[in-house]
Full PDB file with SEQRES, HELIX, SHEET, SSBOND, CRYST1, ORIGX, SCALE, CONECT and MASTER records, all heavy atoms in Angstrom:
SEQRES   1 A   43  LEU LEU ASN ASP LEU TRP ILE HIS GLN ILE ALA ARG ASN          
SEQRES   2 A   43  GLY VAL SER GLU ILE TYR THR SER ASP PHE ILE ASP THR          
SEQRES   3 A   43  SER SER LYS SER ASP LYS VAL LYS LEU LYS LEU ASP LEU          
SEQRES   4 A   43  LYS GLN ILE ALA                                              
HELIX    1 AA1 LEU A    2  ASN A    3  1                                   2    
HELIX    2 AA2 ASP A    4  ILE A   10  3                                   7    
HELIX    3 AA3 ALA A   11  ASN A   13  1                                   3    
HELIX    4 AA4 GLY A   14  GLU A   17  5                                   4    
HELIX    5 AA5 LEU A   39  ILE A   42  1                                   4    
CRYST1    1.000    1.000    1.000  90.00  90.00  90.00 P 1           1          
ORIGX1      1.000000  0.000000  0.000000        0.00000                         
ORIGX2      0.000000  1.000000  0.000000        0.00000                         
ORIGX3      0.000000  0.000000  1.000000        0.00000                         
SCALE1      1.000000  0.000000  0.000000        0.00000                         
SCALE2      0.000000  1.000000  0.000000        0.00000                         
SCALE3      0.000000  0.000000  1.000000        0.00000                         
ATOM      1  N   LEU A   1     -19.813  22.510  28.378  1.00  0.00           N  
ATOM      2  CA  LEU A   1     -18.911  21.868  27.396  1.00  0.00           C  
ATOM      3  C   LEU A   1     -19.568  20.672  26.755  1.00  0.00           C  
ATOM      4  O   LEU A   1     -19.395  20.411  25.543  1.00  0.00           O  
ATOM      5  CB  LEU A   1     -17.638  21.437  28.135  1.00  0.00           C  
ATOM      6  CG  LEU A   1     -16.576  20.719  27.277  1.00  0.00           C  
ATOM      7  CD1 LEU A   1     -16.148  21.549  26.071  1.00  0.00           C  
ATOM      8  CD2 LEU A   1     -15.345  20.363  28.130  1.00  0.00           C  
ATOM      9  N   LEU A   2     -20.355  19.916  27.528  1.00  0.00           N  
ATOM     10  CA  LEU A   2     -21.065  18.746  26.980  1.00  0.00           C  
ATOM     11  C   LEU A   2     -22.063  19.177  25.900  1.00  0.00           C  
ATOM     12  O   LEU A   2     -22.180  18.548  24.869  1.00  0.00           O  
ATOM     13  CB  LEU A   2     -21.744  17.998  28.108  1.00  0.00           C  
ATOM     14  CG  LEU A   2     -22.324  16.611  27.771  1.00  0.00           C  
ATOM     15  CD1 LEU A   2     -21.256  15.704  27.240  1.00  0.00           C  
ATOM     16  CD2 LEU A   2     -23.000  15.998  28.990  1.00  0.00           C  
ATOM     17  N   ASN A   3     -22.732  20.274  26.159  1.00  0.00           N  
ATOM     18  CA  ASN A   3     -23.694  20.864  25.170  1.00  0.00           C  
ATOM     19  C   ASN A   3     -22.934  21.298  23.941  1.00  0.00           C  
ATOM     20  O   ASN A   3     -23.408  21.074  22.814  1.00  0.00           O  
ATOM     21  CB  ASN A   3     -24.494  21.992  25.751  1.00  0.00           C  
ATOM     22  CG  ASN A   3     -25.730  21.526  26.500  1.00  0.00           C  
ATOM     23  OD1 ASN A   3     -26.745  21.213  25.871  1.00  0.00           O  
ATOM     24  ND2 ASN A   3     -25.631  21.441  27.817  1.00  0.00           N  
ATOM     25  N   ASP A   4     -21.785  21.903  24.138  1.00  0.00           N  
ATOM     26  CA  ASP A   4     -20.978  22.400  22.990  1.00  0.00           C  
ATOM     27  C   ASP A   4     -20.548  21.194  22.117  1.00  0.00           C  
ATOM     28  O   ASP A   4     -20.559  21.225  20.888  1.00  0.00           O  
ATOM     29  CB  ASP A   4     -19.761  23.159  23.463  1.00  0.00           C  
ATOM     30  CG  ASP A   4     -18.881  23.600  22.318  1.00  0.00           C  
ATOM     31  OD1 ASP A   4     -19.264  24.570  21.630  1.00  0.00           O  
ATOM     32  OD2 ASP A   4     -17.812  22.991  22.104  1.00  0.00           O  
ATOM     33  N   LEU A   5     -20.117  20.111  22.798  1.00  0.00           N  
ATOM     34  CA  LEU A   5     -19.675  18.916  22.077  1.00  0.00           C  
ATOM     35  C   LEU A   5     -20.787  18.336  21.197  1.00  0.00           C  
ATOM     36  O   LEU A   5     -20.561  18.039  20.009  1.00  0.00           O  
ATOM     37  CB  LEU A   5     -19.225  17.848  23.084  1.00  0.00           C  
ATOM     38  CG  LEU A   5     -18.867  16.465  22.520  1.00  0.00           C  
ATOM     39  CD1 LEU A   5     -17.701  16.549  21.586  1.00  0.00           C  
ATOM     40  CD2 LEU A   5     -18.581  15.465  23.650  1.00  0.00           C  
ATOM     41  N   TRP A   6     -21.984  18.223  21.726  1.00  0.00           N  
ATOM     42  CA  TRP A   6     -23.090  17.612  21.017  1.00  0.00           C  
ATOM     43  C   TRP A   6     -23.706  18.550  19.980  1.00  0.00           C  
ATOM     44  O   TRP A   6     -24.004  18.146  18.864  1.00  0.00           O  
ATOM     45  CB  TRP A   6     -24.170  17.134  21.962  1.00  0.00           C  
ATOM     46  CG  TRP A   6     -23.810  15.850  22.644  1.00  0.00           C  
ATOM     47  CD1 TRP A   6     -23.310  15.695  23.896  1.00  0.00           C  
ATOM     48  CD2 TRP A   6     -23.904  14.550  22.082  1.00  0.00           C  
ATOM     49  NE1 TRP A   6     -23.114  14.338  24.183  1.00  0.00           N  
ATOM     50  CE2 TRP A   6     -23.482  13.640  23.074  1.00  0.00           C  
ATOM     51  CE3 TRP A   6     -24.320  14.027  20.848  1.00  0.00           C  
ATOM     52  CZ2 TRP A   6     -23.428  12.239  22.866  1.00  0.00           C  
ATOM     53  CZ3 TRP A   6     -24.274  12.645  20.645  1.00  0.00           C  
ATOM     54  CH2 TRP A   6     -23.854  11.788  21.640  1.00  0.00           C  
ATOM     55  N   ILE A   7     -23.886  19.827  20.345  1.00  0.00           N  
ATOM     56  CA  ILE A   7     -24.660  20.746  19.498  1.00  0.00           C  
ATOM     57  C   ILE A   7     -23.777  21.450  18.491  1.00  0.00           C  
ATOM     58  O   ILE A   7     -24.126  21.548  17.274  1.00  0.00           O  
ATOM     59  CB  ILE A   7     -25.366  21.808  20.372  1.00  0.00           C  
ATOM     60  CG1 ILE A   7     -26.409  21.094  21.299  1.00  0.00           C  
ATOM     61  CG2 ILE A   7     -26.088  22.839  19.507  1.00  0.00           C  
ATOM     62  CD1 ILE A   7     -27.001  21.992  22.348  1.00  0.00           C  
ATOM     63  N   HIS A   8     -22.631  21.927  18.891  1.00  0.00           N  
ATOM     64  CA  HIS A   8     -21.799  22.734  17.994  1.00  0.00           C  
ATOM     65  C   HIS A   8     -20.725  21.893  17.261  1.00  0.00           C  
ATOM     66  O   HIS A   8     -20.133  22.387  16.284  1.00  0.00           O  
ATOM     67  CB  HIS A   8     -21.099  23.886  18.761  1.00  0.00           C  
ATOM     68  CG  HIS A   8     -22.065  24.838  19.356  1.00  0.00           C  
ATOM     69  ND1 HIS A   8     -22.073  25.179  20.670  1.00  0.00           N  
ATOM     70  CD2 HIS A   8     -23.137  25.491  18.791  1.00  0.00           C  
ATOM     71  CE1 HIS A   8     -23.076  26.038  20.933  1.00  0.00           C  
ATOM     72  NE2 HIS A   8     -23.721  26.205  19.776  1.00  0.00           N  
ATOM     73  N   GLN A   9     -20.460  20.708  17.743  1.00  0.00           N  
ATOM     74  CA  GLN A   9     -19.433  19.846  17.072  1.00  0.00           C  
ATOM     75  C   GLN A   9     -20.089  18.681  16.377  1.00  0.00           C  
ATOM     76  O   GLN A   9     -20.070  18.601  15.129  1.00  0.00           O  
ATOM     77  CB  GLN A   9     -18.378  19.402  18.106  1.00  0.00           C  
ATOM     78  CG  GLN A   9     -17.617  20.544  18.765  1.00  0.00           C  
ATOM     79  CD  GLN A   9     -16.602  20.083  19.765  1.00  0.00           C  
ATOM     80  OE1 GLN A   9     -15.808  19.197  19.497  1.00  0.00           O  
ATOM     81  NE2 GLN A   9     -16.626  20.675  20.944  1.00  0.00           N  
ATOM     82  N   ILE A  10     -20.670  17.773  17.128  1.00  0.00           N  
ATOM     83  CA  ILE A  10     -21.205  16.557  16.515  1.00  0.00           C  
ATOM     84  C   ILE A  10     -22.423  16.859  15.607  1.00  0.00           C  
ATOM     85  O   ILE A  10     -22.478  16.369  14.473  1.00  0.00           O  
ATOM     86  CB  ILE A  10     -21.630  15.548  17.600  1.00  0.00           C  
ATOM     87  CG1 ILE A  10     -20.388  15.100  18.387  1.00  0.00           C  
ATOM     88  CG2 ILE A  10     -22.328  14.326  16.975  1.00  0.00           C  
ATOM     89  CD1 ILE A  10     -20.718  14.220  19.580  1.00  0.00           C  
ATOM     90  N   ALA A  11     -23.348  17.684  16.046  1.00  0.00           N  
ATOM     91  CA  ALA A  11     -24.534  17.968  15.266  1.00  0.00           C  
ATOM     92  C   ALA A  11     -24.183  18.667  13.955  1.00  0.00           C  
ATOM     93  O   ALA A  11     -24.697  18.344  12.898  1.00  0.00           O  
ATOM     94  CB  ALA A  11     -25.530  18.825  16.075  1.00  0.00           C  
ATOM     95  N   ARG A  12     -23.270  19.628  14.024  1.00  0.00           N  
ATOM     96  CA  ARG A  12     -22.911  20.396  12.853  1.00  0.00           C  
ATOM     97  C   ARG A  12     -21.993  19.641  11.878  1.00  0.00           C  
ATOM     98  O   ARG A  12     -22.122  19.741  10.656  1.00  0.00           O  
ATOM     99  CB  ARG A  12     -22.234  21.688  13.257  1.00  0.00           C  
ATOM    100  CG  ARG A  12     -23.197  22.667  13.951  1.00  0.00           C  
ATOM    101  CD  ARG A  12     -22.506  23.967  14.315  1.00  0.00           C  
ATOM    102  NE  ARG A  12     -23.396  24.902  14.972  1.00  0.00           N  
ATOM    103  CZ  ARG A  12     -23.038  26.078  15.450  1.00  0.00           C  
ATOM    104  NH1 ARG A  12     -21.767  26.457  15.328  1.00  0.00           N  
ATOM    105  NH2 ARG A  12     -23.905  26.858  16.071  1.00  0.00           N  
ATOM    106  N   ASN A  13     -21.060  18.865  12.443  1.00  0.00           N  
ATOM    107  CA  ASN A  13     -20.048  18.237  11.587  1.00  0.00           C  
ATOM    108  C   ASN A  13     -20.231  16.748  11.433  1.00  0.00           C  
ATOM    109  O   ASN A  13     -19.475  16.108  10.664  1.00  0.00           O  
ATOM    110  CB  ASN A  13     -18.638  18.575  12.162  1.00  0.00           C  
ATOM    111  CG  ASN A  13     -18.413  20.028  12.297  1.00  0.00           C  
ATOM    112  OD1 ASN A  13     -18.778  20.804  11.418  1.00  0.00           O  
ATOM    113  ND2 ASN A  13     -17.783  20.439  13.397  1.00  0.00           N  
ATOM    114  N   GLY A  14     -21.143  16.134  12.165  1.00  0.00           N  
ATOM    115  CA  GLY A  14     -21.420  14.718  11.995  1.00  0.00           C  
ATOM    116  C   GLY A  14     -20.493  13.816  12.773  1.00  0.00           C  
ATOM    117  O   GLY A  14     -19.692  14.282  13.636  1.00  0.00           O  
ATOM    118  N   VAL A  15     -20.525  12.550  12.464  1.00  0.00           N  
ATOM    119  CA  VAL A  15     -19.819  11.534  13.250  1.00  0.00           C  
ATOM    120  C   VAL A  15     -18.308  11.637  13.111  1.00  0.00           C  
ATOM    121  O   VAL A  15     -17.553  11.050  13.916  1.00  0.00           O  
ATOM    122  CB  VAL A  15     -20.278  10.116  12.845  1.00  0.00           C  
ATOM    123  CG1 VAL A  15     -21.779   9.941  13.105  1.00  0.00           C  
ATOM    124  CG2 VAL A  15     -19.936   9.824  11.395  1.00  0.00           C  
ATOM    125  N   SER A  16     -17.796  12.370  12.114  1.00  0.00           N  
ATOM    126  CA  SER A  16     -16.361  12.478  11.928  1.00  0.00           C  
ATOM    127  C   SER A  16     -15.741  13.217  13.089  1.00  0.00           C  
ATOM    128  O   SER A  16     -14.518  13.165  13.291  1.00  0.00           O  
ATOM    129  CB  SER A  16     -16.052  13.196  10.627  1.00  0.00           C  
ATOM    130  OG  SER A  16     -16.640  14.504  10.625  1.00  0.00           O  
ATOM    131  N   GLU A  17     -16.526  13.887  13.932  1.00  0.00           N  
ATOM    132  CA  GLU A  17     -15.998  14.496  15.142  1.00  0.00           C  
ATOM    133  C   GLU A  17     -15.575  13.447  16.137  1.00  0.00           C  
ATOM    134  O   GLU A  17     -14.811  13.730  17.056  1.00  0.00           O  
ATOM    135  CB  GLU A  17     -17.081  15.423  15.758  1.00  0.00           C  
ATOM    136  CG  GLU A  17     -17.289  16.729  15.069  1.00  0.00           C  
ATOM    137  CD  GLU A  17     -16.134  17.717  15.232  1.00  0.00           C  
ATOM    138  OE1 GLU A  17     -15.487  17.657  16.298  1.00  0.00           O  
ATOM    139  OE2 GLU A  17     -15.906  18.566  14.349  1.00  0.00           O  
ATOM    140  N   ILE A  18     -16.099  12.239  15.972  1.00  0.00           N  
ATOM    141  CA  ILE A  18     -15.814  11.136  16.925  1.00  0.00           C  
ATOM    142  C   ILE A  18     -15.004  10.035  16.294  1.00  0.00           C  
ATOM    143  O   ILE A  18     -14.123   9.453  16.936  1.00  0.00           O  
ATOM    144  CB  ILE A  18     -17.160  10.570  17.466  1.00  0.00           C  
ATOM    145  CG1 ILE A  18     -17.933  11.678  18.176  1.00  0.00           C  
ATOM    146  CG2 ILE A  18     -16.877   9.394  18.404  1.00  0.00           C  
ATOM    147  CD1 ILE A  18     -17.243  12.274  19.359  1.00  0.00           C  
ATOM    148  N   TYR A  19     -15.256   9.707  14.997  1.00  0.00           N  
ATOM    149  CA  TYR A  19     -14.506   8.612  14.390  1.00  0.00           C  
ATOM    150  C   TYR A  19     -14.376   8.802  12.900  1.00  0.00           C  
ATOM    151  O   TYR A  19     -15.093   9.553  12.263  1.00  0.00           O  
ATOM    152  CB  TYR A  19     -15.174   7.267  14.692  1.00  0.00           C  
ATOM    153  CG  TYR A  19     -16.505   6.990  13.994  1.00  0.00           C  
ATOM    154  CD1 TYR A  19     -16.533   6.430  12.711  1.00  0.00           C  
ATOM    155  CD2 TYR A  19     -17.706   7.306  14.621  1.00  0.00           C  
ATOM    156  CE1 TYR A  19     -17.734   6.186  12.089  1.00  0.00           C  
ATOM    157  CE2 TYR A  19     -18.907   7.057  13.988  1.00  0.00           C  
ATOM    158  CZ  TYR A  19     -18.954   6.489  12.723  1.00  0.00           C  
ATOM    159  OH  TYR A  19     -20.132   6.245  12.119  1.00  0.00           O  
ATOM    160  N   THR A  20     -13.381   8.146  12.344  1.00  0.00           N  
ATOM    161  CA  THR A  20     -13.154   8.046  10.876  1.00  0.00           C  
ATOM    162  C   THR A  20     -13.265   6.565  10.505  1.00  0.00           C  
ATOM    163  O   THR A  20     -13.191   5.699  11.353  1.00  0.00           O  
ATOM    164  CB  THR A  20     -11.802   8.617  10.481  1.00  0.00           C  
ATOM    165  OG1 THR A  20     -10.749   7.858  11.171  1.00  0.00           O  
ATOM    166  CG2 THR A  20     -11.672  10.094  10.854  1.00  0.00           C  
ATOM    167  N   SER A  21     -13.453   6.311   9.204  1.00  0.00           N  
ATOM    168  CA  SER A  21     -13.582   4.934   8.788  1.00  0.00           C  
ATOM    169  C   SER A  21     -13.361   4.760   7.299  1.00  0.00           C  
ATOM    170  O   SER A  21     -13.690   5.656   6.503  1.00  0.00           O  
ATOM    171  CB  SER A  21     -15.005   4.399   9.127  1.00  0.00           C  
ATOM    172  OG  SER A  21     -15.189   3.076   8.693  1.00  0.00           O  
ATOM    173  N   ASP A  22     -12.794   3.616   6.945  1.00  0.00           N  
ATOM    174  CA  ASP A  22     -12.652   3.228   5.545  1.00  0.00           C  
ATOM    175  C   ASP A  22     -13.862   2.411   5.073  1.00  0.00           C  
ATOM    176  O   ASP A  22     -13.967   2.106   3.914  1.00  0.00           O  
ATOM    177  CB  ASP A  22     -11.370   2.350   5.355  1.00  0.00           C  
ATOM    178  CG  ASP A  22     -10.106   3.098   5.704  1.00  0.00           C  
ATOM    179  OD1 ASP A  22     -10.053   4.309   5.514  1.00  0.00           O  
ATOM    180  OD2 ASP A  22      -9.169   2.454   6.180  1.00  0.00           O  
ATOM    181  N   PHE A  23     -14.749   2.126   6.018  1.00  0.00           N  
ATOM    182  CA  PHE A  23     -15.920   1.285   5.694  1.00  0.00           C  
ATOM    183  C   PHE A  23     -17.227   2.007   5.842  1.00  0.00           C  
ATOM    184  O   PHE A  23     -18.268   1.605   5.277  1.00  0.00           O  
ATOM    185  CB  PHE A  23     -15.932   0.064   6.639  1.00  0.00           C  
ATOM    186  CG  PHE A  23     -14.753  -0.829   6.517  1.00  0.00           C  
ATOM    187  CD1 PHE A  23     -13.598  -0.595   7.269  1.00  0.00           C  
ATOM    188  CD2 PHE A  23     -14.744  -1.911   5.648  1.00  0.00           C  
ATOM    189  CE1 PHE A  23     -12.496  -1.412   7.193  1.00  0.00           C  
ATOM    190  CE2 PHE A  23     -13.624  -2.748   5.547  1.00  0.00           C  
ATOM    191  CZ  PHE A  23     -12.500  -2.477   6.305  1.00  0.00           C  
ATOM    192  N   ILE A  24     -17.290   3.096   6.637  1.00  0.00           N  
ATOM    193  CA  ILE A  24     -18.490   3.831   6.913  1.00  0.00           C  
ATOM    194  C   ILE A  24     -18.383   5.246   6.314  1.00  0.00           C  
ATOM    195  O   ILE A  24     -17.351   5.907   6.433  1.00  0.00           O  
ATOM    196  CB  ILE A  24     -18.748   3.950   8.434  1.00  0.00           C  
ATOM    197  CG1 ILE A  24     -18.829   2.554   9.049  1.00  0.00           C  
ATOM    198  CG2 ILE A  24     -20.040   4.722   8.698  1.00  0.00           C  
ATOM    199  CD1 ILE A  24     -18.911   2.564  10.556  1.00  0.00           C  
ATOM    200  N   ASP A  25     -19.433   5.694   5.662  1.00  0.00           N  
ATOM    201  CA  ASP A  25     -19.473   7.040   5.131  1.00  0.00           C  
ATOM    202  C   ASP A  25     -19.752   8.055   6.243  1.00  0.00           C  
ATOM    203  O   ASP A  25     -20.878   8.282   6.635  1.00  0.00           O  
ATOM    204  CB  ASP A  25     -20.564   7.150   4.051  1.00  0.00           C  
ATOM    205  CG  ASP A  25     -20.581   8.488   3.366  1.00  0.00           C  
ATOM    206  OD1 ASP A  25     -19.706   9.340   3.666  1.00  0.00           O  
ATOM    207  OD2 ASP A  25     -21.430   8.719   2.489  1.00  0.00           O  
ATOM    208  N   THR A  26     -18.660   8.613   6.788  1.00  0.00           N  
ATOM    209  CA  THR A  26     -18.805   9.568   7.911  1.00  0.00           C  
ATOM    210  C   THR A  26     -19.319  10.933   7.479  1.00  0.00           C  
ATOM    211  O   THR A  26     -19.606  11.778   8.328  1.00  0.00           O  
ATOM    212  CB  THR A  26     -17.452   9.722   8.629  1.00  0.00           C  
ATOM    213  OG1 THR A  26     -16.448  10.150   7.695  1.00  0.00           O  
ATOM    214  CG2 THR A  26     -17.013   8.406   9.256  1.00  0.00           C  
ATOM    215  N   SER A  27     -19.373  11.164   6.154  1.00  0.00           N  
ATOM    216  CA  SER A  27     -19.910  12.429   5.690  1.00  0.00           C  
ATOM    217  C   SER A  27     -21.415  12.368   5.408  1.00  0.00           C  
ATOM    218  O   SER A  27     -22.045  13.401   5.108  1.00  0.00           O  
ATOM    219  CB  SER A  27     -19.182  12.873   4.417  1.00  0.00           C  
ATOM    220  OG  SER A  27     -19.458  11.961   3.340  1.00  0.00           O  
ATOM    221  N   SER A  28     -22.007  11.185   5.560  1.00  0.00           N  
ATOM    222  CA  SER A  28     -23.434  11.008   5.279  1.00  0.00           C  
ATOM    223  C   SER A  28     -24.280  11.788   6.267  1.00  0.00           C  
ATOM    224  O   SER A  28     -23.985  11.813   7.473  1.00  0.00           O  
ATOM    225  CB  SER A  28     -23.807   9.523   5.310  1.00  0.00           C  
ATOM    226  OG  SER A  28     -25.188   9.319   5.246  1.00  0.00           O  
ATOM    227  N   LYS A  29     -25.364  12.370   5.812  1.00  0.00           N  
ATOM    228  CA  LYS A  29     -26.311  13.068   6.650  1.00  0.00           C  
ATOM    229  C   LYS A  29     -27.545  12.227   6.956  1.00  0.00           C  
ATOM    230  O   LYS A  29     -28.556  12.709   7.464  1.00  0.00           O  
ATOM    231  CB  LYS A  29     -26.739  14.400   5.988  1.00  0.00           C  
ATOM    232  CG  LYS A  29     -25.612  15.364   5.728  1.00  0.00           C  
ATOM    233  CD  LYS A  29     -24.885  15.778   6.987  1.00  0.00           C  
ATOM    234  CE  LYS A  29     -23.766  16.772   6.713  1.00  0.00           C  
ATOM    235  NZ  LYS A  29     -23.041  17.159   7.927  1.00  0.00           N  
ATOM    236  N   SER A  30     -27.452  10.955   6.611  1.00  0.00           N  
ATOM    237  CA  SER A  30     -28.604  10.029   6.789  1.00  0.00           C  
ATOM    238  C   SER A  30     -28.790   9.713   8.273  1.00  0.00           C  
ATOM    239  O   SER A  30     -27.888   9.832   9.092  1.00  0.00           O  
ATOM    240  CB  SER A  30     -28.358   8.729   6.009  1.00  0.00           C  
ATOM    241  OG  SER A  30     -29.322   7.769   6.329  1.00  0.00           O  
ATOM    242  N   ASP A  31     -30.035   9.249   8.597  1.00  0.00           N  
ATOM    243  CA  ASP A  31     -30.324   8.799   9.963  1.00  0.00           C  
ATOM    244  C   ASP A  31     -29.854   7.373  10.159  1.00  0.00           C  
ATOM    245  O   ASP A  31     -29.919   6.880  11.302  1.00  0.00           O  
ATOM    246  CB  ASP A  31     -31.834   8.858  10.206  1.00  0.00           C  
ATOM    247  CG  ASP A  31     -32.346  10.300  10.270  1.00  0.00           C  
ATOM    248  OD1 ASP A  31     -31.516  11.236  10.160  1.00  0.00           O  
ATOM    249  OD2 ASP A  31     -33.569  10.477  10.372  1.00  0.00           O  
ATOM    250  N   LYS A  32     -29.381   6.737   9.103  1.00  0.00           N  
ATOM    251  CA  LYS A  32     -28.893   5.350   9.201  1.00  0.00           C  
ATOM    252  C   LYS A  32     -27.430   5.324   8.788  1.00  0.00           C  
ATOM    253  O   LYS A  32     -26.888   6.213   8.134  1.00  0.00           O  
ATOM    254  CB  LYS A  32     -29.708   4.423   8.287  1.00  0.00           C  
ATOM    255  CG  LYS A  32     -31.208   4.469   8.543  1.00  0.00           C  
ATOM    256  CD  LYS A  32     -31.587   4.004   9.944  1.00  0.00           C  
ATOM    257  CE  LYS A  32     -33.095   4.031  10.132  1.00  0.00           C  
ATOM    258  NZ  LYS A  32     -33.484   3.589  11.494  1.00  0.00           N  
ATOM    259  N   VAL A  33     -26.748   4.221   9.141  1.00  0.00           N  
ATOM    260  CA  VAL A  33     -25.356   4.054   8.777  1.00  0.00           C  
ATOM    261  C   VAL A  33     -25.257   3.731   7.281  1.00  0.00           C  
ATOM    262  O   VAL A  33     -25.951   2.854   6.792  1.00  0.00           O  
ATOM    263  CB  VAL A  33     -24.702   2.913   9.605  1.00  0.00           C  
ATOM    264  CG1 VAL A  33     -23.262   2.703   9.198  1.00  0.00           C  
ATOM    265  CG2 VAL A  33     -24.770   3.239  11.078  1.00  0.00           C  
ATOM    266  N   LYS A  34     -24.365   4.446   6.612  1.00  0.00           N  
ATOM    267  CA  LYS A  34     -24.157   4.206   5.158  1.00  0.00           C  
ATOM    268  C   LYS A  34     -22.776   3.601   4.922  1.00  0.00           C  
ATOM    269  O   LYS A  34     -21.770   4.048   5.508  1.00  0.00           O  
ATOM    270  CB  LYS A  34     -24.241   5.528   4.412  1.00  0.00           C  
ATOM    271  CG  LYS A  34     -25.636   6.172   4.478  1.00  0.00           C  
ATOM    272  CD  LYS A  34     -26.703   5.320   3.780  1.00  0.00           C  
ATOM    273  CE  LYS A  34     -28.034   5.997   3.770  1.00  0.00           C  
ATOM    274  NZ  LYS A  34     -29.076   5.175   3.117  1.00  0.00           N  
ATOM    275  N   LEU A  35     -22.698   2.569   4.101  1.00  0.00           N  
ATOM    276  CA  LEU A  35     -21.450   1.905   3.771  1.00  0.00           C  
ATOM    277  C   LEU A  35     -20.641   2.694   2.793  1.00  0.00           C  
ATOM    278  O   LEU A  35     -21.181   3.333   1.863  1.00  0.00           O  
ATOM    279  CB  LEU A  35     -21.759   0.513   3.176  1.00  0.00           C  
ATOM    280  CG  LEU A  35     -20.527  -0.347   2.799  1.00  0.00           C  
ATOM    281  CD1 LEU A  35     -19.774  -0.755   4.037  1.00  0.00           C  
ATOM    282  CD2 LEU A  35     -20.994  -1.571   2.053  1.00  0.00           C  
ATOM    283  N   LYS A  36     -19.342   2.739   3.018  1.00  0.00           N  
ATOM    284  CA  LYS A  36     -18.389   3.363   2.091  1.00  0.00           C  
ATOM    285  C   LYS A  36     -17.122   2.513   2.080  1.00  0.00           C  
ATOM    286  O   LYS A  36     -16.590   2.216   3.152  1.00  0.00           O  
ATOM    287  CB  LYS A  36     -18.032   4.768   2.547  1.00  0.00           C  
ATOM    288  CG  LYS A  36     -16.956   5.433   1.655  1.00  0.00           C  
ATOM    289  CD  LYS A  36     -16.242   6.576   2.394  1.00  0.00           C  
ATOM    290  CE  LYS A  36     -15.323   6.008   3.453  1.00  0.00           C  
ATOM    291  NZ  LYS A  36     -14.514   7.062   4.099  1.00  0.00           N  
ATOM    292  N   LEU A  37     -16.678   2.131   0.890  1.00  0.00           N  
ATOM    293  CA  LEU A  37     -15.463   1.342   0.812  1.00  0.00           C  
ATOM    294  C   LEU A  37     -14.364   2.144   0.139  1.00  0.00           C  
ATOM    295  O   LEU A  37     -14.436   2.457  -1.055  1.00  0.00           O  
ATOM    296  CB  LEU A  37     -15.699   0.049   0.006  1.00  0.00           C  
ATOM    297  CG  LEU A  37     -16.520  -1.039   0.695  1.00  0.00           C  
ATOM    298  CD1 LEU A  37     -16.698  -2.211  -0.228  1.00  0.00           C  
ATOM    299  CD2 LEU A  37     -15.893  -1.478   1.988  1.00  0.00           C  
ATOM    300  N   ASP A  38     -13.360   2.532   0.944  1.00  0.00           N  
ATOM    301  CA  ASP A  38     -12.189   3.229   0.410  1.00  0.00           C  
ATOM    302  C   ASP A  38     -11.164   2.147   0.079  1.00  0.00           C  
ATOM    303  O   ASP A  38     -10.347   1.745   0.917  1.00  0.00           O  
ATOM    304  CB  ASP A  38     -11.671   4.218   1.408  1.00  0.00           C  
ATOM    305  CG  ASP A  38     -10.577   5.106   0.857  1.00  0.00           C  
ATOM    306  OD1 ASP A  38      -9.879   4.676  -0.087  1.00  0.00           O  
ATOM    307  OD2 ASP A  38     -10.409   6.235   1.332  1.00  0.00           O  
ATOM    308  N   LEU A  39     -11.224   1.612  -1.157  1.00  0.00           N  
ATOM    309  CA  LEU A  39     -10.406   0.463  -1.517  1.00  0.00           C  
ATOM    310  C   LEU A  39      -8.913   0.743  -1.438  1.00  0.00           C  
ATOM    311  O   LEU A  39      -8.157  -0.125  -1.046  1.00  0.00           O  
ATOM    312  CB  LEU A  39     -10.792   0.003  -2.929  1.00  0.00           C  
ATOM    313  CG  LEU A  39     -12.214  -0.496  -3.096  1.00  0.00           C  
ATOM    314  CD1 LEU A  39     -12.462  -0.914  -4.538  1.00  0.00           C  
ATOM    315  CD2 LEU A  39     -12.464  -1.673  -2.173  1.00  0.00           C  
ATOM    316  N   LYS A  40      -8.486   1.950  -1.757  1.00  0.00           N  
ATOM    317  CA  LYS A  40      -7.077   2.314  -1.668  1.00  0.00           C  
ATOM    318  C   LYS A  40      -6.564   2.218  -0.222  1.00  0.00           C  
ATOM    319  O   LYS A  40      -5.509   1.733   0.055  1.00  0.00           O  
ATOM    320  CB  LYS A  40      -6.836   3.700  -2.260  1.00  0.00           C  
ATOM    321  CG  LYS A  40      -6.982   3.761  -3.773  1.00  0.00           C  
ATOM    322  CD  LYS A  40      -6.618   5.121  -4.301  1.00  0.00           C  
ATOM    323  CE  LYS A  40      -6.688   5.182  -5.830  1.00  0.00           C  
ATOM    324  NZ  LYS A  40      -6.334   6.517  -6.353  1.00  0.00           N  
ATOM    325  N   GLN A  41      -7.411   2.768   0.694  1.00  0.00           N  
ATOM    326  CA  GLN A  41      -7.008   2.746   2.111  1.00  0.00           C  
ATOM    327  C   GLN A  41      -7.035   1.338   2.670  1.00  0.00           C  
ATOM    328  O   GLN A  41      -6.166   0.928   3.435  1.00  0.00           O  
ATOM    329  CB  GLN A  41      -7.929   3.658   2.908  1.00  0.00           C  
ATOM    330  CG  GLN A  41      -7.755   5.129   2.651  1.00  0.00           C  
ATOM    331  CD  GLN A  41      -6.333   5.629   2.970  1.00  0.00           C  
ATOM    332  OE1 GLN A  41      -5.730   5.205   3.961  1.00  0.00           O  
ATOM    333  NE2 GLN A  41      -5.811   6.455   2.121  1.00  0.00           N  
ATOM    334  N   ILE A  42      -8.033   0.544   2.250  1.00  0.00           N  
ATOM    335  CA  ILE A  42      -8.128  -0.837   2.694  1.00  0.00           C  
ATOM    336  C   ILE A  42      -6.934  -1.620   2.177  1.00  0.00           C  
ATOM    337  O   ILE A  42      -6.357  -2.435   2.888  1.00  0.00           O  
ATOM    338  CB  ILE A  42      -9.447  -1.472   2.234  1.00  0.00           C  
ATOM    339  CG1 ILE A  42     -10.616  -0.771   2.920  1.00  0.00           C  
ATOM    340  CG2 ILE A  42      -9.458  -2.974   2.529  1.00  0.00           C  
ATOM    341  CD1 ILE A  42     -11.981  -1.218   2.433  1.00  0.00           C  
ATOM    342  N   ALA A  43      -6.544  -1.370   0.910  1.00  0.00           N  
ATOM    343  CA  ALA A  43      -5.407  -2.051   0.353  1.00  0.00           C  
ATOM    344  C   ALA A  43      -4.118  -1.702   1.083  1.00  0.00           C  
ATOM    345  O   ALA A  43      -3.273  -2.582   1.331  1.00  0.00           O  
ATOM    346  CB  ALA A  43      -5.261  -1.688  -1.129  1.00  0.00           C  
TER     347      ALA A  43                                                      
MASTER        0    0    0    5    0    0    0    6  346    1    0    4          
END                                                                             
């Protein structure tokens, strides 16, 4: 199950399997953290 979590969920779908954010681009495929500002949600 631990392998499934990391390989088939997190690896394929990214960090959104673990968290969402109005400040971080959870759809980014970068090796680094990318900033995203959802102004409507922040408001």
